[in-house]
Amino acid sequence: MSDHQQGIVPDVAKRELSEFLRMAEDIGLDVARQCRWLHMSPDDRSRWVGILSDAPLPSYPELPLLLRRLGYLNNRLDRAKRLN
């Protein structure tokens, strides 16, 4: 991965995770349900939330998988929000 890509990847992950957490908070989604929706343990979720404070990227779940999940969930939450 090039230096340029290494700078972009964490930014994309941070942006998608921030968006998910914001929308989850808006609808009152608790941490346990967030974990179920993301298919991860509370510890895994905590490590991923750490990237928002510049912690290193966790290795599990793998970044491409997490980004797919976040993209799907962010899309669904956004669509539900628009319908209300």
C-alpha atoms as a PDB file:
ATOM      1  CA  MET A   1       0.000   0.000   0.000  1.00  0.00           C
ATOM      2  CA  SER A   2       1.443   3.395  -0.943  1.00  0.00           C
ATOM      3  CA  ASP A   3       2.004   6.159   1.601  1.00  0.00           C
ATOM      4  CA  HIS A   4      -0.844   8.086  -0.011  1.00  0.00           C
ATOM      5  CA  GLN A   5      -3.246   5.134   0.396  1.00  0.00           C
ATOM      6  CA  GLN A   6      -2.127   4.588   3.986  1.00  0.00           C
ATOM      7  CA  GLY A   7      -3.239   8.147   4.761  1.00  0.00           C
ATOM      8  CA  ILE A   8      -6.574   7.792   2.976  1.00  0.00           C
ATOM      9  CA  VAL A   9      -7.631   4.435   4.422  1.00  0.00           C
ATOM     10  CA  PRO A  10      -7.763   5.552   8.061  1.00  0.00           C
ATOM     11  CA  ASP A  11      -9.613   8.710   7.004  1.00  0.00           C
ATOM     12  CA  VAL A  12     -12.278   6.677   5.189  1.00  0.00           C
ATOM     13  CA  ALA A  13     -12.655   4.336   8.157  1.00  0.00           C
ATOM     14  CA  LYS A  14     -12.913   7.273  10.575  1.00  0.00           C
ATOM     15  CA  ARG A  15     -15.491   9.035   8.425  1.00  0.00           C
ATOM     16  CA  GLU A  16     -17.687   5.952   7.992  1.00  0.00           C
ATOM     17  CA  LEU A  17     -17.438   4.962  11.659  1.00  0.00           C
ATOM     18  CA  SER A  18     -18.202   8.509  12.823  1.00  0.00           C
ATOM     19  CA  GLU A  19     -21.242   8.617  10.567  1.00  0.00           C
ATOM     20  CA  PHE A  20     -22.490   5.284  11.890  1.00  0.00           C
ATOM     21  CA  LEU A  21     -22.003   6.307  15.524  1.00  0.00           C
ATOM     22  CA  ARG A  22     -23.762   9.641  14.958  1.00  0.00           C
ATOM     23  CA  MET A  23     -26.772   8.052  13.289  1.00  0.00           C
ATOM     24  CA  ALA A  24     -26.861   5.242  15.875  1.00  0.00           C
ATOM     25  CA  GLU A  25     -26.958   7.842  18.641  1.00  0.00           C
ATOM     26  CA  ASP A  26     -29.677   9.793  16.823  1.00  0.00           C
ATOM     27  CA  ILE A  27     -31.968   6.760  16.830  1.00  0.00           C
ATOM     28  CA  GLY A  28     -31.017   5.620  20.334  1.00  0.00           C
ATOM     29  CA  LEU A  29     -29.071   2.516  19.311  1.00  0.00           C
ATOM     30  CA  ASP A  30     -27.215   1.255  22.383  1.00  0.00           C
ATOM     31  CA  VAL A  31     -23.699  -0.201  22.305  1.00  0.00           C
ATOM     32  CA  ALA A  32     -24.922  -3.805  22.541  1.00  0.00           C
ATOM     33  CA  ARG A  33     -27.134  -3.387  19.495  1.00  0.00           C
ATOM     34  CA  GLN A  34     -24.386  -1.551  17.606  1.00  0.00           C
ATOM     35  CA  CYS A  35     -22.144  -4.553  18.251  1.00  0.00           C
ATOM     36  CA  ARG A  36     -24.790  -6.948  16.952  1.00  0.00           C
ATOM     37  CA  TRP A  37     -25.361  -4.862  13.834  1.00  0.00           C
ATOM     38  CA  LEU A  38     -21.606  -4.617  13.211  1.00  0.00           C
ATOM     39  CA  HIS A  39     -21.082  -8.335  13.965  1.00  0.00           C
ATOM     40  CA  MET A  40     -18.364  -7.616  16.505  1.00  0.00           C
ATOM     41  CA  SER A  41     -17.684  -7.914  20.213  1.00  0.00           C
ATOM     42  CA  PRO A  42     -17.782  -4.894  22.533  1.00  0.00           C
ATOM     43  CA  ASP A  43     -13.967  -5.091  22.755  1.00  0.00           C
ATOM     44  CA  ASP A  44     -13.634  -5.065  18.963  1.00  0.00           C
ATOM     45  CA  ARG A  45     -16.031  -2.111  18.759  1.00  0.00           C
ATOM     46  CA  SER A  46     -14.039  -0.279  21.406  1.00  0.00           C
ATOM     47  CA  ARG A  47     -10.796  -0.810  19.477  1.00  0.00           C
ATOM     48  CA  TRP A  48     -12.394   0.487  16.287  1.00  0.00           C
ATOM     49  CA  VAL A  49     -13.847   3.520  18.064  1.00  0.00           C
ATOM     50  CA  GLY A  50     -10.287   4.172  19.243  1.00  0.00           C
ATOM     51  CA  ILE A  51      -9.266   5.079  15.697  1.00  0.00           C
ATOM     52  CA  LEU A  52     -11.310   8.253  16.107  1.00  0.00           C
ATOM     53  CA  SER A  53      -8.652   9.270  18.653  1.00  0.00           C
ATOM     54  CA  ASP A  54      -5.833   8.219  16.316  1.00  0.00           C
ATOM     55  CA  ALA A  55      -5.328   4.735  17.760  1.00  0.00           C
ATOM     56  CA  PRO A  56      -3.864   2.247  15.274  1.00  0.00           C
ATOM     57  CA  LEU A  57      -6.241   0.401  12.954  1.00  0.00           C
ATOM     58  CA  PRO A  58      -7.325  -2.894  14.542  1.00  0.00           C
ATOM     59  CA  SER A  59      -6.764  -6.060  12.555  1.00  0.00           C
ATOM     60  CA  TYR A  60     -10.176  -7.572  13.330  1.00  0.00           C
ATOM     61  CA  PRO A  61     -12.597  -7.393  11.751  1.00  0.00           C
ATOM     62  CA  GLU A  62     -10.566  -6.727   8.652  1.00  0.00           C
ATOM     63  CA  LEU A  63     -10.918  -3.209   7.302  1.00  0.00           C
ATOM     64  CA  PRO A  64     -12.571  -4.103   3.959  1.00  0.00           C
ATOM     65  CA  LEU A  65     -15.220  -6.147   5.766  1.00  0.00           C
ATOM     66  CA  LEU A  66     -15.892  -3.417   8.309  1.00  0.00           C
ATOM     67  CA  LEU A  67     -16.152  -0.772   5.593  1.00  0.00           C
ATOM     68  CA  ARG A  68     -18.709  -2.899   3.720  1.00  0.00           C
ATOM     69  CA  ARG A  69     -20.754  -3.319   6.904  1.00  0.00           C
ATOM     70  CA  LEU A  70     -20.553   0.369   7.750  1.00  0.00           C
ATOM     71  CA  GLY A  71     -21.479   1.372   4.210  1.00  0.00           C
ATOM     72  CA  TYR A  72     -24.506  -0.898   4.268  1.00  0.00           C
ATOM     73  CA  LEU A  73     -25.624   0.198   7.740  1.00  0.00           C
ATOM     74  CA  ASN A  74     -25.051   3.892   7.057  1.00  0.00           C
ATOM     75  CA  ASN A  75     -27.113   3.619   3.898  1.00  0.00           C
ATOM     76  CA  ARG A  76     -29.951   1.830   5.712  1.00  0.00           C
ATOM     77  CA  LEU A  77     -29.947   4.279   8.632  1.00  0.00           C
ATOM     78  CA  ASP A  78     -29.905   7.253   6.273  1.00  0.00           C
ATOM     79  CA  ARG A  79     -32.798   5.872   4.248  1.00  0.00           C
ATOM     80  CA  ALA A  80     -34.829   5.150   7.399  1.00  0.00           C
ATOM     81  CA  LYS A  81     -34.132   8.657   8.662  1.00  0.00           C
ATOM     82  CA  ARG A  82     -35.375  10.183   5.402  1.00  0.00           C
ATOM     83  CA  LEU A  83     -38.612   8.191   5.545  1.00  0.00           C
ATOM     84  CA  ASN A  84     -39.473   9.531   9.008  1.00  0.00           C
END
